[in-house]
Amino acid sequence: MTRLRHSVVIPAYNAEDFIGSAIASAWESGADEVVVVDDGSSDRTAESAEAMGCLVVRQPNSGAAQARREGVRRATGDVVSLLDADDRLLAEGVARSKALASSSKDWSIVMGGTVGVTAGGERTLYHHWSRRITPQLLIRTGFSPAPPAALLWNRSRLEEALFDHMPAVWPRYAEDYELFIRGSLRGSVIVHDTVAAEYSLDGGKSTTDPRNSIRASEDIRAHYAELLGLRVRRRSERQIASRGLIRIAKNSDAPGTRGRHVRTIVRAAQLDPVFVVGLVVSGVMKRVRNAVK
């Protein structure tokens, strides 16, 4: 089995208080290099990363997406993980991703499992909703099936997805969704269930401004549907608002919030009953399947 050199890229802005955990998880997962792009921080993010053996790139504040691109330019590995400063890699899942990557051909992404973690320590295991991820499926669903940390990228495919001349949207929100689509157009997506990442549910634009993220995803869907000749119907503002409420409920699992969750789901159902009923039915069927295994 070929050993793949592994780079981890971490964009960071004023992350001194927590980036150490992300960096430690990268080294514990067997990274050969960790590239931290300090996006104009005013604290000691860069110094903290340098003290932990990272290659640190400093740039004026330009946003996480631009910082991530700069980190990929500096990375030298065969495979790349894109890790947010408040998330963590998990060694067992990353090792599984590397093993699958080293024994596969014509692949772009290996996707492992994800555990969502709240500030209060509540943990939620997210199950894959499909084992066959295609560009067409991504465009029809309208969201990324996993956070960036759960993905191991073929570096050459990642560079193509980021830097080639295929027309792109690259909005302020939902950049990871567009990048996933572009990667899936260049090679296969391999899926496994071993948990590869801990994902913070308490930060980030997609959790604090879910409707903006979903609107951006609709622009991305429309763009790539046109490129591929697919027919998709843009979701209405009511449908977007419903999905935003569901995302808020999923991302706030702190103790004592059950009543608030129920009220949020009821509001979402009033906006888009078909969508919410579909989620309920899907959840029931998943529990039935798990019970009979």
Protein backbone atom coordinates (compact mmCIF):
# COMPACT_ATOMS: atom_id res chain seq x y z
CA MET A 1 0.00 0.00 0.00
CA THR A 2 1.41 3.37 -1.03
CA ARG A 3 2.05 5.81 1.81
CA LEU A 4 0.44 9.17 1.07
CA ARG A 5 1.95 12.37 2.38
CA HIS A 6 -0.77 14.20 4.33
CA SER A 7 -1.17 17.98 4.61
CA VAL A 8 -3.68 19.68 6.91
CA VAL A 9 -4.70 23.26 6.06
CA ILE A 10 -6.22 25.42 8.82
CA PRO A 11 -7.50 28.95 8.09
CA ALA A 12 -7.54 30.91 11.34
CA TYR A 13 -8.70 34.30 12.59
CA ASN A 14 -8.27 35.27 16.25
CA ALA A 15 -8.23 31.58 17.16
CA GLU A 16 -5.52 31.65 19.85
CA ASP A 17 -7.85 30.24 22.51
CA PHE A 18 -8.80 27.06 20.64
CA ILE A 19 -6.59 26.43 17.62
CA GLY A 20 -4.23 24.33 19.73
CA SER A 21 -6.82 21.55 19.91
CA ALA A 22 -7.26 21.53 16.13
CA ILE A 23 -3.50 21.46 15.51
CA ALA A 24 -2.96 18.69 18.06
CA SER A 25 -5.67 16.61 16.38
CA ALA A 26 -3.92 17.03 13.03
CA TRP A 27 -0.59 15.80 14.35
CA GLU A 28 -2.31 12.95 16.22
CA SER A 29 -3.95 11.92 12.94
CA GLY A 30 -0.57 11.45 11.28
CA ALA A 31 -0.25 14.71 9.37
CA ASP A 32 3.13 15.24 7.71
CA GLU A 33 2.63 19.00 7.68
CA VAL A 34 0.13 21.44 9.13
CA VAL A 35 -0.30 24.73 7.28
CA VAL A 36 -1.98 27.49 9.30
CA VAL A 37 -3.03 30.60 7.40
CA ASP A 38 -3.38 33.48 9.86
CA ASP A 39 -6.07 35.69 8.33
CA GLY A 40 -5.05 39.01 9.86
CA SER A 41 -5.50 38.00 13.51
CA SER A 42 -4.94 40.57 16.26
CA ASP A 43 -4.12 37.93 18.88
CA ARG A 44 -1.32 35.35 19.09
CA THR A 45 -2.85 32.79 16.72
CA ALA A 46 0.25 32.73 14.51
CA GLU A 47 2.69 32.43 17.40
CA SER A 48 0.66 29.60 18.95
CA ALA A 49 0.68 27.70 15.65
CA GLU A 50 4.43 28.21 15.14
CA ALA A 51 5.11 26.91 18.65
CA MET A 52 3.28 23.69 17.72
CA GLY A 53 5.43 23.07 14.64
CA CYS A 54 3.13 24.42 11.93
CA LEU A 55 4.05 26.23 8.76
CA VAL A 56 2.40 29.62 9.31
CA VAL A 57 1.37 31.90 6.47
CA ARG A 58 0.30 35.43 7.38
CA GLN A 59 -2.06 37.48 5.22
CA PRO A 60 -4.26 40.58 5.61
CA ASN A 61 -7.81 39.72 6.64
CA SER A 62 -9.43 38.30 3.49
CA GLY A 63 -11.89 35.69 4.79
CA ALA A 64 -11.69 31.97 5.46
CA ALA A 65 -12.18 30.93 1.83
CA GLN A 66 -9.20 32.96 0.62
CA ALA A 67 -7.10 31.76 3.55
CA ARG A 68 -7.97 28.17 2.68
CA ARG A 69 -6.91 28.70 -0.94
CA GLU A 70 -3.58 30.15 0.14
CA GLY A 71 -3.03 27.18 2.43
CA VAL A 72 -3.69 24.73 -0.40
CA ARG A 73 -1.16 26.58 -2.56
CA ARG A 74 1.46 26.06 0.15
CA ALA A 75 0.59 22.42 0.89
CA THR A 76 2.95 19.73 -0.41
CA GLY A 77 1.08 16.54 0.50
CA ASP A 78 -0.51 13.97 -1.78
CA VAL A 79 -3.73 14.30 0.23
CA VAL A 80 -5.17 17.31 2.04
CA SER A 81 -7.57 17.85 4.94
CA LEU A 82 -9.29 21.24 5.24
CA LEU A 83 -9.74 21.79 8.97
CA ASP A 84 -11.48 24.74 10.61
CA ALA A 85 -9.72 26.11 13.69
CA ASP A 86 -12.58 25.09 16.02
CA ASP A 87 -12.96 21.53 14.69
CA ARG A 88 -10.88 18.37 15.22
CA LEU A 89 -9.67 15.44 13.16
CA LEU A 90 -10.06 11.95 14.64
CA ALA A 91 -7.16 9.61 14.01
CA GLU A 92 -9.06 6.37 13.39
CA GLY A 93 -11.32 7.87 10.75
CA VAL A 94 -8.48 9.73 9.05
CA ALA A 95 -6.45 6.52 8.91
CA ARG A 96 -9.39 4.76 7.27
CA SER A 97 -9.69 7.57 4.73
CA LYS A 98 -5.98 7.34 3.90
CA ALA A 99 -6.15 3.57 3.48
CA LEU A 100 -9.06 3.86 1.04
CA ALA A 101 -7.33 6.67 -0.84
CA SER A 102 -4.08 4.74 -1.24
CA SER A 103 -5.88 1.73 -2.71
CA SER A 104 -8.21 3.64 -5.07
CA LYS A 105 -7.96 5.23 -8.49
CA ASP A 106 -9.66 8.22 -10.10
CA TRP A 107 -10.94 9.58 -6.80
CA SER A 108 -11.36 13.16 -5.61
CA ILE A 109 -12.68 12.87 -2.04
CA VAL A 110 -12.84 10.28 0.73
CA MET A 111 -15.64 11.12 3.15
CA GLY A 112 -15.66 9.76 6.70
CA GLY A 113 -18.21 10.07 9.47
CA THR A 114 -18.85 13.19 11.57
CA VAL A 115 -19.71 13.88 15.20
CA GLY A 116 -21.27 17.26 15.96
CA VAL A 117 -20.25 18.78 19.30
CA THR A 118 -21.89 21.66 21.19
CA ALA A 119 -20.12 24.00 23.61
CA GLY A 120 -21.81 22.07 26.42
CA GLY A 121 -20.24 18.80 25.28
CA GLU A 122 -23.37 17.23 23.75
CA ARG A 123 -22.37 14.92 20.89
CA THR A 124 -24.46 13.89 17.87
CA LEU A 125 -23.38 11.26 15.35
CA TYR A 126 -24.38 12.21 11.81
CA HIS A 127 -25.16 9.34 9.46
CA HIS A 128 -24.47 9.50 5.73
CA TRP A 129 -27.65 10.08 3.74
CA SER A 130 -26.17 8.41 0.67
CA ARG A 131 -23.26 6.14 -0.09
CA ARG A 132 -23.14 7.16 -3.75
CA ILE A 133 -22.37 10.86 -3.96
CA THR A 134 -22.58 12.32 -7.47
CA PRO A 135 -22.67 15.90 -8.78
CA GLN A 136 -26.29 15.39 -9.77
CA LEU A 137 -27.26 14.27 -6.25
CA LEU A 138 -25.42 17.19 -4.65
CA ILE A 139 -27.17 19.67 -6.93
CA ARG A 140 -30.60 18.19 -6.28
CA THR A 141 -30.21 18.09 -2.49
CA GLY A 142 -28.68 21.55 -2.15
CA PHE A 143 -26.14 21.01 0.64
CA SER A 144 -22.82 19.37 1.41
CA PRO A 145 -23.13 15.89 2.97
CA ALA A 146 -20.30 16.51 5.46
CA PRO A 147 -18.25 19.37 6.92
CA PRO A 148 -14.81 20.03 5.40
CA ALA A 149 -12.92 18.29 8.22
CA ALA A 150 -14.55 14.93 7.42
CA LEU A 151 -13.15 14.97 3.88
CA LEU A 152 -9.76 13.81 2.67
CA TRP A 153 -8.91 15.37 -0.69
CA ASN A 154 -6.76 14.17 -3.55
CA ARG A 155 -4.55 17.27 -3.71
CA SER A 156 -4.42 17.45 -7.50
CA ARG A 157 -8.23 17.24 -7.69
CA LEU A 158 -8.56 19.87 -4.96
CA GLU A 159 -6.29 22.24 -6.86
CA GLU A 160 -8.36 21.71 -10.00
CA ALA A 161 -11.58 22.35 -8.10
CA LEU A 162 -10.23 25.58 -6.61
CA PHE A 163 -8.16 27.04 -9.40
CA ASP A 164 -9.22 25.79 -12.85
CA HIS A 165 -11.21 27.87 -15.32
CA MET A 166 -14.63 26.24 -14.95
CA PRO A 167 -17.09 29.09 -14.22
CA ALA A 168 -17.76 29.36 -10.49
CA VAL A 169 -20.00 31.23 -8.07
CA TRP A 170 -17.77 31.34 -4.94
CA PRO A 171 -20.30 33.18 -2.76
CA ARG A 172 -19.58 34.49 0.73
CA TYR A 173 -21.59 31.58 2.16
CA ALA A 174 -21.70 27.83 1.35
CA GLU A 175 -18.20 27.75 -0.20
CA ASP A 176 -17.72 24.19 1.05
CA TYR A 177 -20.84 23.05 -0.82
CA GLU A 178 -19.61 24.49 -4.11
CA LEU A 179 -16.14 23.03 -3.59
CA PHE A 180 -17.67 19.59 -2.97
CA ILE A 181 -19.61 19.81 -6.25
CA ARG A 182 -16.52 20.86 -8.18
CA GLY A 183 -14.50 18.04 -6.64
CA SER A 184 -17.16 15.46 -7.45
CA LEU A 185 -17.04 16.54 -11.10
CA ARG A 186 -13.38 15.52 -11.27
CA GLY A 187 -13.39 12.11 -9.65
CA SER A 188 -15.31 9.71 -7.46
CA VAL A 189 -16.38 10.28 -3.85
CA ILE A 190 -15.55 7.34 -1.57
CA VAL A 191 -17.70 7.00 1.56
CA HIS A 192 -17.01 5.19 4.83
CA ASP A 193 -18.58 5.27 8.31
CA THR A 194 -15.58 5.59 10.62
CA VAL A 195 -15.82 8.98 12.33
CA ALA A 196 -13.09 11.24 10.94
CA ALA A 197 -14.03 14.63 12.39
CA GLU A 198 -15.53 16.48 15.32
CA TYR A 199 -17.53 19.45 14.04
CA SER A 200 -18.33 22.45 16.24
CA LEU A 201 -22.05 23.24 16.19
CA ASP A 202 -21.63 26.59 17.92
CA GLY A 203 -19.85 28.71 15.35
CA GLY A 204 -19.51 29.52 11.69
CA LYS A 205 -21.65 31.33 9.17
CA SER A 206 -23.77 28.30 8.33
CA THR A 207 -24.95 27.96 11.95
CA THR A 208 -25.36 31.64 12.82
CA ASP A 209 -26.87 32.75 9.49
CA PRO A 210 -28.47 29.59 8.07
CA ARG A 211 -30.83 31.35 5.68
CA ASN A 212 -27.97 33.23 4.03
CA SER A 213 -26.09 29.96 3.60
CA ILE A 214 -29.15 28.26 2.11
CA ARG A 215 -29.78 31.17 -0.29
CA ALA A 216 -26.18 30.92 -1.46
CA SER A 217 -26.63 27.17 -1.94
CA GLU A 218 -29.62 27.89 -4.18
CA ASP A 219 -27.44 30.14 -6.35
CA ILE A 220 -24.83 27.38 -6.52
CA ARG A 221 -27.46 24.75 -7.43
CA ALA A 222 -28.81 26.91 -10.24
CA HIS A 223 -25.33 27.60 -11.62
CA TYR A 224 -24.18 23.97 -11.81
CA ALA A 225 -27.57 22.68 -12.90
CA GLU A 226 -27.29 24.95 -15.93
CA LEU A 227 -23.72 23.78 -16.62
CA LEU A 228 -24.80 20.12 -16.48
CA GLY A 229 -28.16 20.55 -18.20
CA LEU A 230 -30.19 19.58 -15.12
CA ARG A 231 -33.61 20.92 -14.22
CA VAL A 232 -33.93 22.11 -10.63
CA ARG A 233 -36.55 24.35 -9.09
CA ARG A 234 -35.29 27.15 -6.90
CA ARG A 235 -36.67 26.96 -3.37
CA SER A 236 -39.01 29.71 -2.25
CA GLU A 237 -38.27 32.05 0.67
CA ARG A 238 -40.73 30.04 2.80
CA GLN A 239 -38.86 26.83 1.99
CA ILE A 240 -35.52 28.52 2.73
CA ALA A 241 -36.83 29.81 6.06
CA SER A 242 -38.12 26.33 6.97
CA ARG A 243 -34.75 24.74 6.25
CA GLY A 244 -33.02 27.47 8.23
CA LEU A 245 -35.15 26.73 11.29
CA ILE A 246 -34.44 23.00 11.03
CA ARG A 247 -30.72 23.71 10.80
CA ILE A 248 -30.89 25.92 13.90
CA ALA A 249 -32.69 23.14 15.80
CA LYS A 250 -30.11 20.53 14.73
CA ASN A 251 -27.21 22.74 15.72
CA SER A 252 -28.40 23.61 19.24
CA ASP A 253 -28.61 20.41 21.24
CA ALA A 254 -27.81 21.88 24.65
CA PRO A 255 -29.61 20.39 27.67
CA GLY A 256 -33.01 21.93 28.41
CA THR A 257 -33.74 22.99 24.85
CA ARG A 258 -36.20 20.25 23.92
CA GLY A 259 -39.27 22.50 24.25
CA ARG A 260 -37.65 25.17 22.12
CA HIS A 261 -36.73 22.56 19.51
CA VAL A 262 -40.34 21.42 19.27
CA ARG A 263 -41.55 24.99 18.75
CA THR A 264 -38.90 25.57 16.11
CA ILE A 265 -39.87 22.42 14.23
CA VAL A 266 -43.56 23.39 14.37
CA ARG A 267 -42.71 26.78 12.86
CA ALA A 268 -40.68 25.05 10.15
CA ALA A 269 -43.61 22.73 9.38
CA GLN A 270 -45.95 25.70 9.00
CA LEU A 271 -43.62 27.16 6.37
CA ASP A 272 -42.94 23.93 4.45
CA PRO A 273 -45.01 20.95 5.68
CA VAL A 274 -43.90 18.58 2.90
CA PHE A 275 -40.22 19.07 3.77
CA VAL A 276 -40.67 18.57 7.52
CA VAL A 277 -42.94 15.53 7.15
CA GLY A 278 -40.32 14.03 4.83
CA LEU A 279 -37.66 14.51 7.50
CA VAL A 280 -39.85 12.84 10.13
CA VAL A 281 -40.60 9.85 7.89
CA SER A 282 -36.92 9.52 6.97
CA GLY A 283 -35.95 9.55 10.65
CA VAL A 284 -38.52 6.91 11.56
CA MET A 285 -37.41 4.63 8.71
CA LYS A 286 -33.76 5.01 9.73
CA ARG A 287 -34.61 3.94 13.30
CA VAL A 288 -36.53 0.94 11.99
CA ARG A 289 -33.60 -0.13 9.80
CA ASN A 290 -31.18 0.23 12.71
CA ALA A 291 -33.49 -1.77 14.99
CA VAL A 292 -33.62 -4.77 12.64
CA LYS A 293 -29.89 -4.92 11.97
